Amino acid sequence: MPAARSSPNPGRRWSSRSSCNCEWAQALGAEIREALARGGCRDGSDYYERWCEALEHLLIEKGLASHDGVDALAASWARAAEATPHGQPILIENDPQAL
């Protein structure tokens, strides 16, 4: 087992992860609440969609992505899926419009 590295602030790493997890939990919870308020599924069958929406909103909020960038990438993946033969892995490179 490798020796533990010393850190000038050993609690900082854990605190940062904890803060991130809280932020994620809040974002996902908000997305689920909003979906339910709009009449979304109560059985959890739309959990994946809620997870993706929460991630998208966090990335945009943090300035790591834009609405247009996320939409363009989603469209690229959809085109790649359409262009991929059945049974083959879907690769973004399969998008016929990819540069």
PDB file of N, CA and C in Angstrom:
ATOM      1  N   MET A   1       0.851  -1.177   0.000  1.00  0.00           N
ATOM      2  CA  MET A   1       0.000   0.000   0.000  1.00  0.00           C
ATOM      3  C   MET A   1       0.892   1.234   0.000  1.00  0.00           C
ATOM      4  N   PRO A   2       0.668   2.193  -0.915  1.00  0.00           N
ATOM      5  CA  PRO A   2       1.525   3.359  -0.967  1.00  0.00           C
ATOM      6  C   PRO A   2       1.373   4.224   0.271  1.00  0.00           C
ATOM      7  N   ALA A   3       2.447   4.891   0.621  1.00  0.00           N
ATOM      8  CA  ALA A   3       2.417   5.775   1.778  1.00  0.00           C
ATOM      9  C   ALA A   3       1.508   6.960   1.481  1.00  0.00           C
ATOM     10  N   ALA A   4       0.798   7.383   2.502  1.00  0.00           N
ATOM     11  CA  ALA A   4      -0.099   8.531   2.342  1.00  0.00           C
ATOM     12  C   ALA A   4       0.719   9.795   2.156  1.00  0.00           C
ATOM     13  N   ARG A   5       0.294  10.611   1.235  1.00  0.00           N
ATOM     14  CA  ARG A   5       0.962  11.895   1.026  1.00  0.00           C
ATOM     15  C   ARG A   5       0.481  12.883   2.067  1.00  0.00           C
ATOM     16  N   SER A   6       1.414  13.667   2.552  1.00  0.00           N
ATOM     17  CA  SER A   6       0.996  14.682   3.507  1.00  0.00           C
ATOM     18  C   SER A   6       0.410  15.856   2.743  1.00  0.00           C
ATOM     19  N   SER A   7      -0.507  16.527   3.357  1.00  0.00           N
ATOM     20  CA  SER A   7      -1.165  17.657   2.745  1.00  0.00           C
ATOM     21  C   SER A   7      -1.177  18.808   3.736  1.00  0.00           C
ATOM     22  N   PRO A   8      -0.971  20.028   3.248  1.00  0.00           N
ATOM     23  CA  PRO A   8      -1.011  21.149   4.169  1.00  0.00           C
ATOM     24  C   PRO A   8      -2.387  21.317   4.808  1.00  0.00           C
ATOM     25  N   ASN A   9      -3.418  20.817   4.172  1.00  0.00           N
ATOM     26  CA  ASN A   9      -4.764  20.909   4.714  1.00  0.00           C
ATOM     27  C   ASN A   9      -5.496  19.611   4.389  1.00  0.00           C
ATOM     28  N   PRO A  10      -5.312  18.570   5.218  1.00  0.00           N
ATOM     29  CA  PRO A  10      -5.869  17.262   4.885  1.00  0.00           C
ATOM     30  C   PRO A  10      -7.387  17.244   4.747  1.00  0.00           C
ATOM     31  N   GLY A  11      -8.097  18.126   5.426  1.00  0.00           N
ATOM     32  CA  GLY A  11      -9.547  18.142   5.332  1.00  0.00           C
ATOM     33  C   GLY A  11     -10.056  18.836   4.082  1.00  0.00           C
ATOM     34  N   ARG A  12      -9.214  19.596   3.417  1.00  0.00           N
ATOM     35  CA  ARG A  12      -9.637  20.380   2.255  1.00  0.00           C
ATOM     36  C   ARG A  12     -10.127  19.489   1.118  1.00  0.00           C
ATOM     37  N   ARG A  13      -9.417  18.425   0.842  1.00  0.00           N
ATOM     38  CA  ARG A  13      -9.792  17.529  -0.247  1.00  0.00           C
ATOM     39  C   ARG A  13     -11.163  16.918   0.008  1.00  0.00           C
ATOM     40  N   TRP A  14     -11.389  16.442   1.231  1.00  0.00           N
ATOM     41  CA  TRP A  14     -12.673  15.858   1.582  1.00  0.00           C
ATOM     42  C   TRP A  14     -13.757  16.926   1.536  1.00  0.00           C
ATOM     43  N   SER A  15     -13.456  18.091   2.047  1.00  0.00           N
ATOM     44  CA  SER A  15     -14.426  19.178   2.079  1.00  0.00           C
ATOM     45  C   SER A  15     -14.838  19.574   0.663  1.00  0.00           C
ATOM     46  N   SER A  16     -13.883  19.618  -0.243  1.00  0.00           N
ATOM     47  CA  SER A  16     -14.166  19.974  -1.625  1.00  0.00           C
ATOM     48  C   SER A  16     -15.077  18.932  -2.262  1.00  0.00           C
ATOM     49  N   ARG A  17     -14.802  17.672  -2.029  1.00  0.00           N
ATOM     50  CA  ARG A  17     -15.637  16.599  -2.575  1.00  0.00           C
ATOM     51  C   ARG A  17     -17.028  16.658  -1.970  1.00  0.00           C
ATOM     52  N   SER A  18     -17.091  16.908  -0.676  1.00  0.00           N
ATOM     53  CA  SER A  18     -18.375  16.986   0.003  1.00  0.00           C
ATOM     54  C   SER A  18     -19.208  18.126  -0.553  1.00  0.00           C
ATOM     55  N   SER A  19     -18.583  19.266  -0.772  1.00  0.00           N
ATOM     56  CA  SER A  19     -19.280  20.419  -1.331  1.00  0.00           C
ATOM     57  C   SER A  19     -19.794  20.094  -2.729  1.00  0.00           C
ATOM     58  N   CYS A  20     -18.965  19.433  -3.514  1.00  0.00           N
ATOM     59  CA  CYS A  20     -19.348  19.055  -4.871  1.00  0.00           C
ATOM     60  C   CYS A  20     -20.534  18.093  -4.831  1.00  0.00           C
ATOM     61  N   ASN A  21     -20.475  17.115  -3.922  1.00  0.00           N
ATOM     62  CA  ASN A  21     -21.571  16.148  -3.816  1.00  0.00           C
ATOM     63  C   ASN A  21     -22.859  16.829  -3.392  1.00  0.00           C
ATOM     64  N   CYS A  22     -22.756  17.799  -2.477  1.00  0.00           N
ATOM     65  CA  CYS A  22     -23.946  18.530  -2.046  1.00  0.00           C
ATOM     66  C   CYS A  22     -24.519  19.332  -3.211  1.00  0.00           C
ATOM     67  N   GLU A  23     -23.655  19.970  -3.965  1.00  0.00           N
ATOM     68  CA  GLU A  23     -24.095  20.749  -5.114  1.00  0.00           C
ATOM     69  C   GLU A  23     -24.789  19.848  -6.131  1.00  0.00           C
ATOM     70  N   TRP A  24     -24.214  18.671  -6.371  1.00  0.00           N
ATOM     71  CA  TRP A  24     -24.811  17.725  -7.309  1.00  0.00           C
ATOM     72  C   TRP A  24     -26.159  17.254  -6.792  1.00  0.00           C
ATOM     73  N   ALA A  25     -26.234  16.909  -5.522  1.00  0.00           N
ATOM     74  CA  ALA A  25     -27.488  16.435  -4.948  1.00  0.00           C
ATOM     75  C   ALA A  25     -28.559  17.510  -5.045  1.00  0.00           C
ATOM     76  N   GLN A  26     -28.203  18.751  -4.806  1.00  0.00           N
ATOM     77  CA  GLN A  26     -29.161  19.852  -4.912  1.00  0.00           C
ATOM     78  C   GLN A  26     -29.630  20.021  -6.356  1.00  0.00           C
ATOM     79  N   ALA A  27     -28.702  19.957  -7.297  1.00  0.00           N
ATOM     80  CA  ALA A  27     -29.058  20.122  -8.711  1.00  0.00           C
ATOM     81  C   ALA A  27     -29.969  18.991  -9.177  1.00  0.00           C
ATOM     82  N   LEU A  28     -29.628  17.764  -8.828  1.00  0.00           N
ATOM     83  CA  LEU A  28     -30.445  16.623  -9.238  1.00  0.00           C
ATOM     84  C   LEU A  28     -31.813  16.675  -8.562  1.00  0.00           C
ATOM     85  N   GLY A  29     -31.822  16.991  -7.279  1.00  0.00           N
ATOM     86  CA  GLY A  29     -33.093  17.099  -6.558  1.00  0.00           C
ATOM     87  C   GLY A  29     -33.994  18.163  -7.159  1.00  0.00           C
ATOM     88  N   ALA A  30     -33.405  19.305  -7.497  1.00  0.00           N
ATOM     89  CA  ALA A  30     -34.184  20.393  -8.104  1.00  0.00           C
ATOM     90  C   ALA A  30     -34.758  19.949  -9.446  1.00  0.00           C
ATOM     91  N   GLU A  31     -33.961  19.262 -10.233  1.00  0.00           N
ATOM     92  CA  GLU A  31     -34.425  18.799 -11.543  1.00  0.00           C
ATOM     93  C   GLU A  31     -35.575  17.811 -11.389  1.00  0.00           C
ATOM     94  N   ILE A  32     -35.476  16.908 -10.438  1.00  0.00           N
ATOM     95  CA  ILE A  32     -36.542  15.929 -10.204  1.00  0.00           C
ATOM     96  C   ILE A  32     -37.808  16.633  -9.718  1.00  0.00           C
ATOM     97  N   ARG A  33     -37.666  17.585  -8.781  1.00  0.00           N
ATOM     98  CA  ARG A  33     -38.828  18.325  -8.279  1.00  0.00           C
ATOM     99  C   ARG A  33     -39.522  19.097  -9.407  1.00  0.00           C
ATOM    100  N   GLU A  34     -38.725  19.754 -10.254  1.00  0.00           N
ATOM    101  CA  GLU A  34     -39.295  20.511 -11.371  1.00  0.00           C
ATOM    102  C   GLU A  34     -40.039  19.590 -12.337  1.00  0.00           C
ATOM    103  N   ALA A  35     -39.462  18.430 -12.611  1.00  0.00           N
ATOM    104  CA  ALA A  35     -40.111  17.479 -13.521  1.00  0.00           C
ATOM    105  C   ALA A  35     -41.424  16.984 -12.927  1.00  0.00           C
ATOM    106  N   LEU A  36     -41.421  16.697 -11.644  1.00  0.00           N
ATOM    107  CA  LEU A  36     -42.647  16.241 -10.991  1.00  0.00           C
ATOM    108  C   LEU A  36     -43.711  17.332 -11.019  1.00  0.00           C
ATOM    109  N   ALA A  37     -43.296  18.572 -10.798  1.00  0.00           N
ATOM    110  CA  ALA A  37     -44.240  19.692 -10.822  1.00  0.00           C
ATOM    111  C   ALA A  37     -44.857  19.867 -12.210  1.00  0.00           C
ATOM    112  N   ARG A  38     -44.112  19.475 -13.248  1.00  0.00           N
ATOM    113  CA  ARG A  38     -44.618  19.560 -14.630  1.00  0.00           C
ATOM    114  C   ARG A  38     -45.371  18.290 -15.032  1.00  0.00           C
ATOM    115  N   GLY A  39     -45.591  17.393 -14.068  1.00  0.00           N
ATOM    116  CA  GLY A  39     -46.335  16.170 -14.369  1.00  0.00           C
ATOM    117  C   GLY A  39     -45.461  15.008 -14.782  1.00  0.00           C
ATOM    118  N   GLY A  40     -44.181  15.071 -14.472  1.00  0.00           N
ATOM    119  CA  GLY A  40     -43.250  13.999 -14.838  1.00  0.00           C
ATOM    120  C   GLY A  40     -43.539  12.694 -14.117  1.00  0.00           C
ATOM    121  N   CYS A  41     -42.800  11.677 -14.470  1.00  0.00           N
ATOM    122  CA  CYS A  41     -42.990  10.341 -13.922  1.00  0.00           C
ATOM    123  C   CYS A  41     -42.731  10.313 -12.419  1.00  0.00           C
ATOM    124  N   ARG A  42     -43.602   9.644 -11.725  1.00  0.00           N
ATOM    125  CA  ARG A  42     -43.432   9.482 -10.281  1.00  0.00           C
ATOM    126  C   ARG A  42     -42.786   8.138  -9.945  1.00  0.00           C
ATOM    127  N   ASP A  43     -42.595   7.304 -10.942  1.00  0.00           N
ATOM    128  CA  ASP A  43     -42.050   5.972 -10.698  1.00  0.00           C
ATOM    129  C   ASP A  43     -40.533   5.907 -10.903  1.00  0.00           C
ATOM    130  N   GLY A  44     -39.912   7.039 -11.233  1.00  0.00           N
ATOM    131  CA  GLY A  44     -38.463   7.063 -11.412  1.00  0.00           C
ATOM    132  C   GLY A  44     -37.987   6.620 -12.779  1.00  0.00           C
ATOM    133  N   SER A  45     -38.907   6.318 -13.687  1.00  0.00           N
ATOM    134  CA  SER A  45     -38.497   5.821 -14.991  1.00  0.00           C
ATOM    135  C   SER A  45     -37.812   6.883 -15.846  1.00  0.00           C
ATOM    136  N   ASP A  46     -37.920   8.147 -15.438  1.00  0.00           N
ATOM    137  CA  ASP A  46     -37.245   9.214 -16.187  1.00  0.00           C
ATOM    138  C   ASP A  46     -35.982   9.704 -15.463  1.00  0.00           C
ATOM    139  N   TYR A  47     -35.490   8.883 -14.535  1.00  0.00           N
ATOM    140  CA  TYR A  47     -34.331   9.282 -13.737  1.00  0.00           C
ATOM    141  C   TYR A  47     -33.127   9.628 -14.612  1.00  0.00           C
ATOM    142  N   TYR A  48     -32.859   8.841 -15.640  1.00  0.00           N
ATOM    143  CA  TYR A  48     -31.711   9.108 -16.516  1.00  0.00           C
ATOM    144  C   TYR A  48     -31.842  10.481 -17.174  1.00  0.00           C
ATOM    145  N   GLU A  49     -33.020  10.802 -17.660  1.00  0.00           N
ATOM    146  CA  GLU A  49     -33.236  12.107 -18.277  1.00  0.00           C
ATOM    147  C   GLU A  49     -33.038  13.228 -17.267  1.00  0.00           C
ATOM    148  N   ARG A  50     -33.529  13.035 -16.036  1.00  0.00           N
ATOM    149  CA  ARG A  50     -33.346  14.052 -14.989  1.00  0.00           C
ATOM    150  C   ARG A  50     -31.862  14.209 -14.654  1.00  0.00           C
ATOM    151  N   TRP A  51     -31.129  13.104 -14.603  1.00  0.00           N
ATOM    152  CA  TRP A  51     -29.701  13.113 -14.308  1.00  0.00           C
ATOM    153  C   TRP A  51     -28.964  13.921 -15.382  1.00  0.00           C
ATOM    154  N   CYS A  52     -29.290  13.651 -16.649  1.00  0.00           N
ATOM    155  CA  CYS A  52     -28.650  14.361 -17.762  1.00  0.00           C
ATOM    156  C   CYS A  52     -28.981  15.849 -17.729  1.00  0.00           C
ATOM    157  N   GLU A  53     -30.236  16.187 -17.449  1.00  0.00           N
ATOM    158  CA  GLU A  53     -30.635  17.593 -17.374  1.00  0.00           C
ATOM    159  C   GLU A  53     -29.897  18.311 -16.245  1.00  0.00           C
ATOM    160  N   ALA A  54     -29.784  17.650 -15.091  1.00  0.00           N
ATOM    161  CA  ALA A  54     -29.079  18.261 -13.964  1.00  0.00           C
ATOM    162  C   ALA A  54     -27.617  18.495 -14.318  1.00  0.00           C
ATOM    163  N   LEU A  55     -26.987  17.531 -14.957  1.00  0.00           N
ATOM    164  CA  LEU A  55     -25.589  17.683 -15.356  1.00  0.00           C
ATOM    165  C   LEU A  55     -25.447  18.817 -16.360  1.00  0.00           C
ATOM    166  N   GLU A  56     -26.322  18.857 -17.337  1.00  0.00           N
ATOM    167  CA  GLU A  56     -26.282  19.920 -18.340  1.00  0.00           C
ATOM    168  C   GLU A  56     -26.404  21.292 -17.678  1.00  0.00           C
ATOM    169  N   HIS A  57     -27.363  21.434 -16.772  1.00  0.00           N
ATOM    170  CA  HIS A  57     -27.553  22.722 -16.108  1.00  0.00           C
ATOM    171  C   HIS A  57     -26.345  23.115 -15.266  1.00  0.00           C
ATOM    172  N   LEU A  58     -25.743  22.155 -14.571  1.00  0.00           N
ATOM    173  CA  LEU A  58     -24.543  22.453 -13.777  1.00  0.00           C
ATOM    174  C   LEU A  58     -23.380  22.886 -14.660  1.00  0.00           C
ATOM    175  N   LEU A  59     -23.178  22.192 -15.763  1.00  0.00           N
ATOM    176  CA  LEU A  59     -22.082  22.543 -16.674  1.00  0.00           C
ATOM    177  C   LEU A  59     -22.266  23.950 -17.235  1.00  0.00           C
ATOM    178  N   ILE A  60     -23.481  24.291 -17.579  1.00  0.00           N
ATOM    179  CA  ILE A  60     -23.761  25.623 -18.115  1.00  0.00           C
ATOM    180  C   ILE A  60     -23.600  26.671 -17.016  1.00  0.00           C
ATOM    181  N   GLU A  61     -24.130  26.378 -15.839  1.00  0.00           N
ATOM    182  CA  GLU A  61     -24.030  27.302 -14.704  1.00  0.00           C
ATOM    183  C   GLU A  61     -22.578  27.591 -14.345  1.00  0.00           C
ATOM    184  N   LYS A  62     -21.732  26.572 -14.427  1.00  0.00           N
ATOM    185  CA  LYS A  62     -20.312  26.719 -14.080  1.00  0.00           C
ATOM    186  C   LYS A  62     -19.494  27.314 -15.225  1.00  0.00           C
ATOM    187  N   GLY A  63     -20.115  27.531 -16.375  1.00  0.00           N
ATOM    188  CA  GLY A  63     -19.401  28.084 -17.520  1.00  0.00           C
ATOM    189  C   GLY A  63     -18.536  27.074 -18.243  1.00  0.00           C
ATOM    190  N   LEU A  64     -18.796  25.790 -18.017  1.00  0.00           N
ATOM    191  CA  LEU A  64     -18.009  24.733 -18.649  1.00  0.00           C
ATOM    192  C   LEU A  64     -18.609  24.298 -19.981  1.00  0.00           C
ATOM    193  N   ALA A  65     -19.839  24.719 -20.232  1.00  0.00           N
ATOM    194  CA  ALA A  65     -20.519  24.395 -21.484  1.00  0.00           C
ATOM    195  C   ALA A  65     -21.548  25.482 -21.742  1.00  0.00           C
ATOM    196  N   SER A  66     -22.045  25.506 -22.960  1.00  0.00           N
ATOM    197  CA  SER A  66     -23.096  26.449 -23.324  1.00  0.00           C
ATOM    198  C   SER A  66     -24.312  25.658 -23.797  1.00  0.00           C
ATOM    199  N   HIS A  67     -25.468  26.308 -23.792  1.00  0.00           N
ATOM    200  CA  HIS A  67     -26.667  25.644 -24.315  1.00  0.00           C
ATOM    201  C   HIS A  67     -26.433  25.189 -25.746  1.00  0.00           C
ATOM    202  N   ASP A  68     -25.876  26.097 -26.560  1.00  0.00           N
ATOM    203  CA  ASP A  68     -25.636  25.757 -27.965  1.00  0.00           C
ATOM    204  C   ASP A  68     -24.655  24.600 -28.102  1.00  0.00           C
ATOM    205  N   GLY A  69     -23.613  24.595 -27.271  1.00  0.00           N
ATOM    206  CA  GLY A  69     -22.617  23.524 -27.324  1.00  0.00           C
ATOM    207  C   GLY A  69     -23.211  22.179 -26.942  1.00  0.00           C
ATOM    208  N   VAL A  70     -24.023  22.173 -25.902  1.00  0.00           N
ATOM    209  CA  VAL A  70     -24.668  20.929 -25.469  1.00  0.00           C
ATOM    210  C   VAL A  70     -25.637  20.449 -26.543  1.00  0.00           C
ATOM    211  N   ASP A  71     -26.425  21.365 -27.089  1.00  0.00           N
ATOM    212  CA  ASP A  71     -27.374  20.980 -28.143  1.00  0.00           C
ATOM    213  C   ASP A  71     -26.656  20.440 -29.377  1.00  0.00           C
ATOM    214  N   ALA A  72     -25.558  21.083 -29.754  1.00  0.00           N
ATOM    215  CA  ALA A  72     -24.802  20.637 -30.931  1.00  0.00           C
ATOM    216  C   ALA A  72     -24.212  19.246 -30.706  1.00  0.00           C
ATOM    217  N   LEU A  73     -23.689  19.007 -29.505  1.00  0.00           N
ATOM    218  CA  LEU A  73     -23.104  17.698 -29.214  1.00  0.00           C
ATOM    219  C   LEU A  73     -24.180  16.619 -29.181  1.00  0.00           C
ATOM    220  N   ALA A  74     -25.342  16.936 -28.604  1.00  0.00           N
ATOM    221  CA  ALA A  74     -26.446  15.966 -28.578  1.00  0.00           C
ATOM    222  C   ALA A  74     -26.888  15.637 -29.999  1.00  0.00           C
ATOM    223  N   ALA A  75     -26.972  16.643 -30.848  1.00  0.00           N
ATOM    224  CA  ALA A  75     -27.364  16.409 -32.243  1.00  0.00           C
ATOM    225  C   ALA A  75     -26.317  15.563 -32.965  1.00  0.00           C
ATOM    226  N   SER A  76     -25.052  15.810 -32.666  1.00  0.00           N
ATOM    227  CA  SER A  76     -23.982  15.036 -33.283  1.00  0.00           C
ATOM    228  C   SER A  76     -24.070  13.562 -32.874  1.00  0.00           C
ATOM    229  N   TRP A  77     -24.328  13.313 -31.591  1.00  0.00           N
ATOM    230  CA  TRP A  77     -24.477  11.929 -31.129  1.00  0.00           C
ATOM    231  C   TRP A  77     -25.686  11.267 -31.776  1.00  0.00           C
ATOM    232  N   ALA A  78     -26.778  12.019 -31.935  1.00  0.00           N
ATOM    233  CA  ALA A  78     -27.974  11.451 -32.568  1.00  0.00           C
ATOM    234  C   ALA A  78     -27.687  11.078 -34.017  1.00  0.00           C
ATOM    235  N   ARG A  79     -26.983  11.947 -34.742  1.00  0.00           N
ATOM    236  CA  ARG A  79     -26.626  11.631 -36.131  1.00  0.00           C
ATOM    237  C   ARG A  79     -25.689  10.425 -36.180  1.00  0.00           C
ATOM    238  N   ALA A  80     -24.756  10.360 -35.231  1.00  0.00           N
ATOM    239  CA  ALA A  80     -23.833   9.220 -35.184  1.00  0.00           C
ATOM    240  C   ALA A  80     -24.598   7.929 -34.927  1.00  0.00           C
ATOM    241  N   ALA A  81     -25.587   7.974 -34.055  1.00  0.00           N
ATOM    242  CA  ALA A  81     -26.395   6.779 -33.770  1.00  0.00           C
ATOM    243  C   ALA A  81     -27.156   6.333 -35.017  1.00  0.00           C
ATOM    244  N   GLU A  82     -27.714   7.291 -35.731  1.00  0.00           N
ATOM    245  CA  GLU A  82     -28.453   6.966 -36.961  1.00  0.00           C
ATOM    246  C   GLU A  82     -27.532   6.357 -38.020  1.00  0.00           C
ATOM    247  N   ALA A  83     -26.285   6.811 -38.073  1.00  0.00           N
ATOM    248  CA  ALA A  83     -25.352   6.363 -39.111  1.00  0.00           C
ATOM    249  C   ALA A  83     -24.628   5.071 -38.742  1.00  0.00           C
ATOM    250  N   THR A  84     -24.786   4.607 -37.521  1.00  0.00           N
ATOM    251  CA  THR A  84     -24.062   3.429 -37.061  1.00  0.00           C
ATOM    252  C   THR A  84     -24.858   2.166 -37.371  1.00  0.00           C
ATOM    253  N   PRO A  85     -24.226   1.194 -38.024  1.00  0.00           N
ATOM    254  CA  PRO A  85     -24.926  -0.068 -38.299  1.00  0.00           C
ATOM    255  C   PRO A  85     -25.346  -0.760 -37.001  1.00  0.00           C
ATOM    256  N   HIS A  86     -26.476  -1.438 -37.076  1.00  0.00           N
ATOM    257  CA  HIS A  86     -26.989  -2.165 -35.921  1.00  0.00           C
ATOM    258  C   HIS A  86     -25.932  -3.114 -35.368  1.00  0.00           C
ATOM    259  N   GLY A  87     -25.803  -3.121 -34.052  1.00  0.00           N
ATOM    260  CA  GLY A  87     -24.869  -4.023 -33.400  1.00  0.00           C
ATOM    261  C   GLY A  87     -23.466  -3.476 -33.253  1.00  0.00           C
ATOM    262  N   GLN A  88     -23.196  -2.342 -33.865  1.00  0.00           N
ATOM    263  CA  GLN A  88     -21.869  -1.727 -33.771  1.00  0.00           C
ATOM    264  C   GLN A  88     -21.891  -0.648 -32.695  1.00  0.00           C
ATOM    265  N   PRO A  89     -20.751  -0.371 -32.085  1.00  0.00           N
ATOM    266  CA  PRO A  89     -20.720   0.700 -31.084  1.00  0.00           C
ATOM    267  C   PRO A  89     -20.941   2.057 -31.739  1.00  0.00           C
ATOM    268  N   ILE A  90     -21.679   2.902 -31.048  1.00  0.00           N
ATOM    269  CA  ILE A  90     -21.909   4.257 -31.552  1.00  0.00           C
ATOM    270  C   ILE A  90     -20.696   5.106 -31.185  1.00  0.00           C
ATOM    271  N   LEU A  91     -20.079   5.661 -32.197  1.00  0.00           N
ATOM    272  CA  LEU A  91     -18.916   6.528 -32.003  1.00  0.00           C
ATOM    273  C   LEU A  91     -19.238   7.904 -32.557  1.00  0.00           C
ATOM    274  N   ILE A  92     -18.814   8.935 -31.883  1.00  0.00           N
ATOM    275  CA  ILE A  92     -19.065  10.298 -32.343  1.00  0.00           C
ATOM    276  C   ILE A  92     -18.477  10.508 -33.736  1.00  0.00           C
ATOM    277  N   GLU A  93     -17.427   9.772 -34.048  1.00  0.00           N
ATOM    278  CA  GLU A  93     -16.796   9.867 -35.365  1.00  0.00           C
ATOM    279  C   GLU A  93     -17.732   9.396 -36.477  1.00  0.00           C
ATOM    280  N   ASN A  94     -18.790   8.673 -36.120  1.00  0.00           N
ATOM    281  CA  ASN A  94     -19.752   8.203 -37.119  1.00  0.00           C
ATOM    282  C   ASN A  94     -20.726   9.297 -37.554  1.00  0.00           C
ATOM    283  N   ASP A  95     -20.676  10.447 -36.914  1.00  0.00           N
ATOM    284  CA  ASP A  95     -21.541  11.558 -37.316  1.00  0.00           C
ATOM    285  C   ASP A  95     -21.120  11.988 -38.720  1.00  0.00           C
ATOM    286  N   PRO A  96     -22.014  11.873 -39.699  1.00  0.00           N
ATOM    287  CA  PRO A  96     -21.657  12.242 -41.067  1.00  0.00           C
ATOM    288  C   PRO A  96     -21.308  13.724 -41.229  1.00  0.00           C
ATOM    289  N   GLN A  97     -21.723  14.550 -40.303  1.00  0.00           N
ATOM    290  CA  GLN A  97     -21.420  15.972 -40.380  1.00  0.00           C
ATOM    291  C   GLN A  97     -20.172  16.365 -39.588  1.00  0.00           C
ATOM    292  N   ALA A  98     -19.536  15.385 -38.946  1.00  0.00           N
ATOM    293  CA  ALA A  98     -18.331  15.677 -38.154  1.00  0.00           C
ATOM    294  C   ALA A  98     -17.209  16.156 -39.082  1.00  0.00           C
ATOM    295  N   LEU A  99     -16.453  17.066 -38.587  1.00  0.00           N
ATOM    296  CA  LEU A  99     -15.348  17.613 -39.382  1.00  0.00           C
ATOM    297  C   LEU A  99     -14.179  16.687 -39.390  1.00  0.00           C
TER     298      LEU A  99
END
